[in-house]
C-alpha atoms as a PDB file:
ATOM      1  CA  UNK A   1      16.073   0.307 -16.534  1.00  0.00           C
ATOM      2  CA  UNK A   2      16.109   2.826 -13.996  1.00  0.00           C
ATOM      3  CA  UNK A   3      15.301   2.607 -10.087  1.00  0.00           C
ATOM      4  CA  UNK A   4      11.862   3.653  -9.378  1.00  0.00           C
ATOM      5  CA  UNK A   5      11.114   4.606  -5.834  1.00  0.00           C
ATOM      6  CA  UNK A   6       8.191   2.123  -4.313  1.00  0.00           C
ATOM      7  CA  UNK A   7       5.372   4.455  -2.678  1.00  0.00           C
ATOM      8  CA  UNK A   8       4.219   2.077   0.563  1.00  0.00           C
ATOM      9  CA  UNK A   9       1.162   3.314   0.600  1.00  0.00           C
ATOM     10  CA  UNK A  10       0.060   2.676  -2.970  1.00  0.00           C
ATOM     11  CA  UNK A  11       1.688  -0.861  -2.526  1.00  0.00           C
ATOM     12  CA  UNK A  12      -0.288  -1.576   0.187  1.00  0.00           C
ATOM     13  CA  UNK A  13      -3.442  -0.604  -1.602  1.00  0.00           C
ATOM     14  CA  UNK A  14      -2.453  -2.710  -4.312  1.00  0.00           C
ATOM     15  CA  UNK A  15      -1.919  -5.790  -2.665  1.00  0.00           C
ATOM     16  CA  UNK A  16      -5.308  -5.302  -0.598  1.00  0.00           C
ATOM     17  CA  UNK A  17      -7.250  -4.560  -4.157  1.00  0.00           C
ATOM     18  CA  UNK A  18      -4.974  -8.418  -5.070  1.00  0.00           C
ATOM     19  CA  UNK A  19      -6.299  -9.941  -2.127  1.00  0.00           C
ATOM     20  CA  UNK A  20     -10.127  -9.624  -2.726  1.00  0.00           C
ATOM     21  CA  UNK A  21      -9.592 -12.146  -5.108  1.00  0.00           C
ATOM     22  CA  UNK A  22     -10.326 -15.572  -3.374  1.00  0.00           C
ATOM     23  CA  UNK A  23      -7.724 -17.482  -5.457  1.00  0.00           C
ATOM     24  CA  UNK A  24      -4.939 -14.830  -4.819  1.00  0.00           C
ATOM     25  CA  UNK A  25      -5.641 -14.431  -1.243  1.00  0.00           C
ATOM     26  CA  UNK A  26      -5.232 -18.478  -0.646  1.00  0.00           C
ATOM     27  CA  UNK A  27      -1.771 -18.018  -2.734  1.00  0.00           C
ATOM     28  CA  UNK A  28      -0.619 -15.304  -0.613  1.00  0.00           C
ATOM     29  CA  UNK A  29      -1.898 -16.630   2.626  1.00  0.00           C
ATOM     30  CA  UNK A  30       0.404 -20.159   1.325  1.00  0.00           C
ATOM     31  CA  UNK A  31       3.092 -18.316   0.600  1.00  0.00           C
ATOM     32  CA  UNK A  32       3.216 -16.456   3.797  1.00  0.00           C
ATOM     33  CA  UNK A  33       2.914 -19.514   6.127  1.00  0.00           C
ATOM     34  CA  UNK A  34       5.748 -21.203   4.100  1.00  0.00           C
ATOM     35  CA  UNK A  35       7.942 -17.933   4.469  1.00  0.00           C
ATOM     36  CA  UNK A  36       7.141 -17.796   8.339  1.00  0.00           C
ATOM     37  CA  UNK A  37       8.278 -21.256   8.764  1.00  0.00           C
ATOM     38  CA  UNK A  38      11.461 -20.774   6.777  1.00  0.00           C
ATOM     39  CA  UNK A  39      12.316 -17.441   8.828  1.00  0.00           C
ATOM     40  CA  UNK A  40      11.656 -19.787  12.271  1.00  0.00           C
ATOM     41  CA  UNK A  41      14.003 -22.297  10.767  1.00  0.00           C
ATOM     42  CA  UNK A  42      16.754 -19.931  10.574  1.00  0.00           C
ATOM     43  CA  UNK A  43      16.203 -18.198  13.531  1.00  0.00           C
ATOM     44  CA  UNK A  44      16.325 -21.399  15.652  1.00  0.00           C
ATOM     45  CA  UNK A  45      19.513 -22.384  14.030  1.00  0.00           C
ATOM     46  CA  UNK A  46      20.776 -18.977  14.564  1.00  0.00           C
ATOM     47  CA  UNK A  47      19.561 -18.497  18.126  1.00  0.00           C
ATOM     48  CA  UNK A  48      22.084 -21.736  18.753  1.00  0.00           C
ATOM     49  CA  UNK A  49      25.023 -19.984  17.261  1.00  0.00           C
ATOM     50  CA  UNK A  50      24.851 -22.717  14.650  1.00  0.00           C
ATOM     51  CA  UNK A  51      26.327 -21.890  11.075  1.00  0.00           C
ATOM     52  CA  UNK A  52      24.998 -23.450   7.916  1.00  0.00           C
ATOM     53  CA  UNK A  53      28.162 -25.099   7.459  1.00  0.00           C
ATOM     54  CA  UNK A  54      27.969 -26.277  11.088  1.00  0.00           C
ATOM     55  CA  UNK A  55      24.465 -27.676  10.489  1.00  0.00           C
ATOM     56  CA  UNK A  56      25.417 -29.392   7.426  1.00  0.00           C
ATOM     57  CA  UNK A  57      28.243 -31.550   9.429  1.00  0.00           C
ATOM     58  CA  UNK A  58      25.856 -32.406  11.852  1.00  0.00           C
ATOM     59  CA  UNK A  59      22.696 -33.884   9.160  1.00  0.00           C
ATOM     60  CA  UNK A  60      24.811 -34.545   6.052  1.00  0.00           C
ATOM     61  CA  UNK A  61      22.979 -32.143   4.234  1.00  0.00           C
ATOM     62  CA  UNK A  62      24.713 -30.243   1.632  1.00  0.00           C
ATOM     63  CA  UNK A  63      25.202 -26.474   3.044  1.00  0.00           C
ATOM     64  CA  UNK A  64      23.703 -25.073  -0.261  1.00  0.00           C
ATOM     65  CA  UNK A  65      20.496 -27.088   0.560  1.00  0.00           C
ATOM     66  CA  UNK A  66      20.242 -25.652   3.835  1.00  0.00           C
ATOM     67  CA  UNK A  67      20.303 -22.460   2.347  1.00  0.00           C
ATOM     68  CA  UNK A  68      17.848 -22.980  -0.189  1.00  0.00           C
ATOM     69  CA  UNK A  69      15.533 -24.250   2.619  1.00  0.00           C
ATOM     70  CA  UNK A  70      15.942 -21.156   4.540  1.00  0.00           C
ATOM     71  CA  UNK A  71      15.805 -18.553   1.568  1.00  0.00           C
ATOM     72  CA  UNK A  72      12.774 -20.654  -0.019  1.00  0.00           C
ATOM     73  CA  UNK A  73      15.175 -20.947  -3.343  1.00  0.00           C
ATOM     74  CA  UNK A  74      13.970 -24.772  -3.140  1.00  0.00           C
ATOM     75  CA  UNK A  75      10.562 -23.890  -4.563  1.00  0.00           C
ATOM     76  CA  UNK A  76      11.075 -26.033  -7.507  1.00  0.00           C
ATOM     77  CA  UNK A  77      11.763 -28.981  -5.223  1.00  0.00           C
ATOM     78  CA  UNK A  78      10.435 -28.533  -1.757  1.00  0.00           C
ATOM     79  CA  UNK A  79      12.380 -30.305   1.312  1.00  0.00           C
ATOM     80  CA  UNK A  80      11.111 -33.582   2.279  1.00  0.00           C
ATOM     81  CA  UNK A  81       9.652 -34.231   5.426  1.00  0.00           C
ATOM     82  CA  UNK A  82      13.041 -36.563   5.809  1.00  0.00           C
ATOM     83  CA  UNK A  83      14.850 -33.478   5.201  1.00  0.00           C
ATOM     84  CA  UNK A  84      12.973 -31.231   7.765  1.00  0.00           C
ATOM     85  CA  UNK A  85      13.562 -33.653  10.443  1.00  0.00           C
ATOM     86  CA  UNK A  86      17.120 -34.211  10.080  1.00  0.00           C
ATOM     87  CA  UNK A  87      17.127 -30.207  10.471  1.00  0.00           C
ATOM     88  CA  UNK A  88      15.469 -29.515  13.448  1.00  0.00           C
ATOM     89  CA  UNK A  89      16.688 -32.693  15.167  1.00  0.00           C
ATOM     90  CA  UNK A  90      20.309 -31.359  14.565  1.00  0.00           C
ATOM     91  CA  UNK A  91      19.031 -28.125  16.405  1.00  0.00           C
ATOM     92  CA  UNK A  92      17.740 -30.207  19.267  1.00  0.00           C
ATOM     93  CA  UNK A  93      13.984 -29.246  18.054  1.00  0.00           C
ATOM     94  CA  UNK A  94      11.416 -31.515  16.914  1.00  0.00           C
ATOM     95  CA  UNK A  95       8.489 -31.096  14.391  1.00  0.00           C
ATOM     96  CA  UNK A  96       4.909 -30.932  15.689  1.00  0.00           C
ATOM     97  CA  UNK A  97       1.530 -31.150  14.659  1.00  0.00           C
ATOM     98  CA  UNK A  98      -0.898 -29.098  16.559  1.00  0.00           C
ATOM     99  CA  UNK A  99      -4.376 -27.795  15.942  1.00  0.00           C
ATOM    100  CA  UNK A 100      -5.159 -24.384  14.636  1.00  0.00           C
ATOM    101  CA  UNK A 101      -6.857 -22.115  16.956  1.00  0.00           C
END
């Protein structure tokens, strides 16, 4: 299959049309929240100059699991709370719960 150049304007319009469906919008918003959280995890690790391998040594979590968490490829089995706590603890962070604004 040949490469087809995407038109960002058309793609944005398609997305806007799709998101008019409340169920699609809900799914999209959930995905965005998960994606943003994963980016924050990876950025927190990188800001401390810690490699996935070093995080593995600090947590005992397999490096592949750390990669899957950050990339979002662990979708069939989301990380447990215990796993996320190990991850953030090893970076000197903590998970908190706050009211949406």
